[in-house]
Amino acid sequence: VQLQAYGGGLVQAGGFLRLSCEASARTFTRYGMGWFRQAPGKEREFVAAIGWSTGDTFYADSVQGRFAISKDNAKMVYLQMNSLKPEDTALYYCAAKTRVGPMSSSSTYEYWGQGTKVTVSS
């Protein structure tokens, strides 16, 4: 399974971006998919996740109310990012997990995309 993330770019503070992630295999059994980010010099952190069968969504406190994760019924997951702040600047990764486990824990995800860069200018 390969994940391809795209949609990053440069945006001014207060602006918006929509990230997309496509899974190469439609039929693998996903428990959930998530977005994580890593800013320069910082640890990778959880951003948002969605349960594949339930549609339940989970967000980091820092993005709650500004970001929205969604999916289609096939192989795409999206991250709508509104009211962007300079502190949202990071490399954003999508990830997929096939087993039960905390949705916010990166260690429970088996598959990772290559990352798409988001830069928010002040």
C-alpha atoms as a PDB file:
ATOM      1  CA  VAL A   1       0.000   0.000   0.000  1.00  0.00           C
ATOM      2  CA  GLN A   2       1.337   3.395  -0.927  1.00  0.00           C
ATOM      3  CA  LEU A   3      -0.043   6.718   0.223  1.00  0.00           C
ATOM      4  CA  GLN A   4       0.344   9.873  -1.826  1.00  0.00           C
ATOM      5  CA  ALA A   5      -0.262  13.196  -0.098  1.00  0.00           C
ATOM      6  CA  TYR A   6      -0.570  16.448  -1.983  1.00  0.00           C
ATOM      7  CA  GLY A   7      -2.106  19.902  -1.762  1.00  0.00           C
ATOM      8  CA  GLY A   8       0.458  21.706   0.365  1.00  0.00           C
ATOM      9  CA  GLY A   9       1.752  25.140  -0.463  1.00  0.00           C
ATOM     10  CA  LEU A  10       2.403  28.651   0.728  1.00  0.00           C
ATOM     11  CA  VAL A  11      -0.499  30.602   2.179  1.00  0.00           C
ATOM     12  CA  GLN A  12      -0.926  33.725   4.263  1.00  0.00           C
ATOM     13  CA  ALA A  13      -2.126  33.567   7.839  1.00  0.00           C
ATOM     14  CA  GLY A  14      -5.901  33.335   7.935  1.00  0.00           C
ATOM     15  CA  GLY A  15      -5.989  31.500   4.621  1.00  0.00           C
ATOM     16  CA  PHE A  16      -6.913  27.934   3.821  1.00  0.00           C
ATOM     17  CA  LEU A  17      -5.598  24.826   2.116  1.00  0.00           C
ATOM     18  CA  ARG A  18      -7.018  21.407   1.380  1.00  0.00           C
ATOM     19  CA  LEU A  19      -4.732  18.424   1.614  1.00  0.00           C
ATOM     20  CA  SER A  20      -5.538  15.169  -0.143  1.00  0.00           C
ATOM     21  CA  CYS A  21      -4.202  11.680   0.379  1.00  0.00           C
ATOM     22  CA  GLU A  22      -4.705   8.825  -2.038  1.00  0.00           C
ATOM     23  CA  ALA A  23      -4.128   5.196  -1.168  1.00  0.00           C
ATOM     24  CA  SER A  24      -2.795   3.041  -3.968  1.00  0.00           C
ATOM     25  CA  ALA A  25      -4.792   0.005  -2.952  1.00  0.00           C
ATOM     26  CA  ARG A  26      -8.547   0.336  -2.682  1.00  0.00           C
ATOM     27  CA  THR A  27      -9.226  -2.949  -1.005  1.00  0.00           C
ATOM     28  CA  PHE A  28      -6.882  -3.072   1.934  1.00  0.00           C
ATOM     29  CA  THR A  29      -8.722  -3.126   5.219  1.00  0.00           C
ATOM     30  CA  ARG A  30      -8.305   0.191   6.931  1.00  0.00           C
ATOM     31  CA  TYR A  31      -9.223   0.775  10.516  1.00  0.00           C
ATOM     32  CA  GLY A  32      -8.497   4.458  10.191  1.00  0.00           C
ATOM     33  CA  MET A  33      -6.505   7.146   8.466  1.00  0.00           C
ATOM     34  CA  GLY A  34      -4.832  10.139   9.947  1.00  0.00           C
ATOM     35  CA  TRP A  35      -2.822  13.261   9.362  1.00  0.00           C
ATOM     36  CA  PHE A  36       0.317  14.082  11.278  1.00  0.00           C
ATOM     37  CA  ARG A  37       2.736  16.956  10.936  1.00  0.00           C
ATOM     38  CA  GLN A  38       6.311  17.727  11.740  1.00  0.00           C
ATOM     39  CA  ALA A  39       7.678  21.222  12.013  1.00  0.00           C
ATOM     40  CA  PRO A  40      11.416  21.905  11.698  1.00  0.00           C
ATOM     41  CA  GLY A  41      13.203  20.913  14.870  1.00  0.00           C
ATOM     42  CA  LYS A  42      10.101  19.408  16.434  1.00  0.00           C
ATOM     43  CA  GLU A  43       8.655  15.962  16.948  1.00  0.00           C
ATOM     44  CA  ARG A  44       5.982  14.594  14.665  1.00  0.00           C
ATOM     45  CA  GLU A  45       2.560  15.336  16.122  1.00  0.00           C
ATOM     46  CA  PHE A  46      -0.978  14.183  15.603  1.00  0.00           C
ATOM     47  CA  VAL A  47      -3.326  16.470  13.695  1.00  0.00           C
ATOM     48  CA  ALA A  48      -6.514  14.579  12.844  1.00  0.00           C
ATOM     49  CA  ALA A  49      -7.833  11.080  12.190  1.00  0.00           C
ATOM     50  CA  ILE A  50     -10.949   9.376  10.921  1.00  0.00           C
ATOM     51  CA  GLY A  51     -12.334   5.924  11.552  1.00  0.00           C
ATOM     52  CA  TRP A  52     -12.783   4.302   8.183  1.00  0.00           C
ATOM     53  CA  SER A  53     -15.971   2.374   8.886  1.00  0.00           C
ATOM     54  CA  THR A  54     -17.483   4.619  11.545  1.00  0.00           C
ATOM     55  CA  GLY A  55     -16.530   8.015  10.190  1.00  0.00           C
ATOM     56  CA  ASP A  56     -15.674   9.114  13.716  1.00  0.00           C
ATOM     57  CA  THR A  57     -13.245  12.020  13.687  1.00  0.00           C
ATOM     58  CA  PHE A  58     -10.508  12.992  16.104  1.00  0.00           C
ATOM     59  CA  TYR A  59      -8.547  16.227  16.317  1.00  0.00           C
ATOM     60  CA  ALA A  60      -5.617  17.690  18.152  1.00  0.00           C
ATOM     61  CA  ASP A  61      -6.623  20.547  20.429  1.00  0.00           C
ATOM     62  CA  SER A  62      -4.481  22.918  18.402  1.00  0.00           C
ATOM     63  CA  VAL A  63      -6.552  22.427  15.242  1.00  0.00           C
ATOM     64  CA  GLN A  64      -9.998  21.719  16.672  1.00  0.00           C
ATOM     65  CA  GLY A  65     -12.548  23.983  15.026  1.00  0.00           C
ATOM     66  CA  ARG A  66     -10.181  25.024  12.237  1.00  0.00           C
ATOM     67  CA  PHE A  67      -9.360  21.754  10.469  1.00  0.00           C
ATOM     68  CA  ALA A  68     -11.732  19.087   9.175  1.00  0.00           C
ATOM     69  CA  ILE A  69     -10.861  15.566   8.103  1.00  0.00           C
ATOM     70  CA  SER A  70     -13.072  13.688   5.681  1.00  0.00           C
ATOM     71  CA  LYS A  71     -12.956  10.716   3.341  1.00  0.00           C
ATOM     72  CA  ASP A  72     -14.664   9.284   0.326  1.00  0.00           C
ATOM     73  CA  ASN A  73     -15.892   5.701   0.102  1.00  0.00           C
ATOM     74  CA  ALA A  74     -12.920   4.481  -1.836  1.00  0.00           C
ATOM     75  CA  LYS A  75      -9.369   5.520  -1.189  1.00  0.00           C
ATOM     76  CA  MET A  76      -9.157   9.254  -0.512  1.00  0.00           C
ATOM     77  CA  VAL A  77      -8.837  11.174   2.720  1.00  0.00           C
ATOM     78  CA  TYR A  78      -8.819  14.954   2.940  1.00  0.00           C
ATOM     79  CA  LEU A  79      -7.787  17.614   5.423  1.00  0.00           C
ATOM     80  CA  GLN A  80      -9.494  20.969   5.061  1.00  0.00           C
ATOM     81  CA  MET A  81      -7.397  23.547   6.881  1.00  0.00           C
ATOM     82  CA  ASN A  82      -8.985  26.920   7.587  1.00  0.00           C
ATOM     83  CA  SER A  83      -7.841  29.949   9.534  1.00  0.00           C
ATOM     84  CA  LEU A  84      -4.263  28.871   9.112  1.00  0.00           C
ATOM     85  CA  LYS A  85      -1.633  30.198  11.503  1.00  0.00           C
ATOM     86  CA  PRO A  86       2.135  30.459  11.124  1.00  0.00           C
ATOM     87  CA  GLU A  87       2.464  27.718  13.749  1.00  0.00           C
ATOM     88  CA  ASP A  88       0.688  25.342  11.359  1.00  0.00           C
ATOM     89  CA  THR A  89       3.774  25.435   9.152  1.00  0.00           C
ATOM     90  CA  ALA A  90       5.058  21.869   8.857  1.00  0.00           C
ATOM     91  CA  LEU A  91       5.457  18.846   6.671  1.00  0.00           C
ATOM     92  CA  TYR A  92       2.106  17.065   6.713  1.00  0.00           C
ATOM     93  CA  TYR A  93       1.927  13.298   6.446  1.00  0.00           C
ATOM     94  CA  CYS A  94      -1.037  11.060   5.872  1.00  0.00           C
ATOM     95  CA  ALA A  95      -1.041   7.612   7.409  1.00  0.00           C
ATOM     96  CA  ALA A  96      -3.184   4.498   7.467  1.00  0.00           C
ATOM     97  CA  LYS A  97      -3.731   1.886  10.140  1.00  0.00           C
ATOM     98  CA  THR A  98      -5.270  -1.546   9.843  1.00  0.00           C
ATOM     99  CA  ARG A  99      -5.505  -2.434  13.528  1.00  0.00           C
ATOM    100  CA  VAL A 100      -7.347  -1.182  16.556  1.00  0.00           C
ATOM    101  CA  GLY A 101      -5.385   1.311  18.611  1.00  0.00           C
ATOM    102  CA  PRO A 102      -5.270   4.953  19.643  1.00  0.00           C
ATOM    103  CA  MET A 103      -6.052   7.094  16.630  1.00  0.00           C
ATOM    104  CA  SER A 104      -3.709   9.835  17.799  1.00  0.00           C
ATOM    105  CA  SER A 105      -0.675   7.601  18.253  1.00  0.00           C
ATOM    106  CA  SER A 106       1.706   7.546  15.298  1.00  0.00           C
ATOM    107  CA  SER A 107       3.128   4.197  16.396  1.00  0.00           C
ATOM    108  CA  THR A 108      -0.161   2.460  15.568  1.00  0.00           C
ATOM    109  CA  TYR A 109      -0.067   3.455  11.895  1.00  0.00           C
ATOM    110  CA  GLU A 110       1.608   1.012   9.511  1.00  0.00           C
ATOM    111  CA  TYR A 111       1.560   2.984   6.266  1.00  0.00           C
ATOM    112  CA  TRP A 112       2.843   6.500   5.663  1.00  0.00           C
ATOM    113  CA  GLY A 113       2.887   8.908   2.757  1.00  0.00           C
ATOM    114  CA  GLN A 114       5.857  11.044   1.813  1.00  0.00           C
ATOM    115  CA  GLY A 115       4.595  14.321   3.228  1.00  0.00           C
ATOM    116  CA  THR A 116       3.416  17.563   1.692  1.00  0.00           C
ATOM    117  CA  LYS A 117       4.797  20.901   2.854  1.00  0.00           C
ATOM    118  CA  VAL A 118       2.562  23.606   4.266  1.00  0.00           C
ATOM    119  CA  THR A 119       3.992  27.065   4.885  1.00  0.00           C
ATOM    120  CA  VAL A 120       1.907  29.779   6.507  1.00  0.00           C
ATOM    121  CA  SER A 121       3.330  33.275   6.350  1.00  0.00           C
ATOM    122  CA  SER A 122       2.504  35.949   8.895  1.00  0.00           C
END
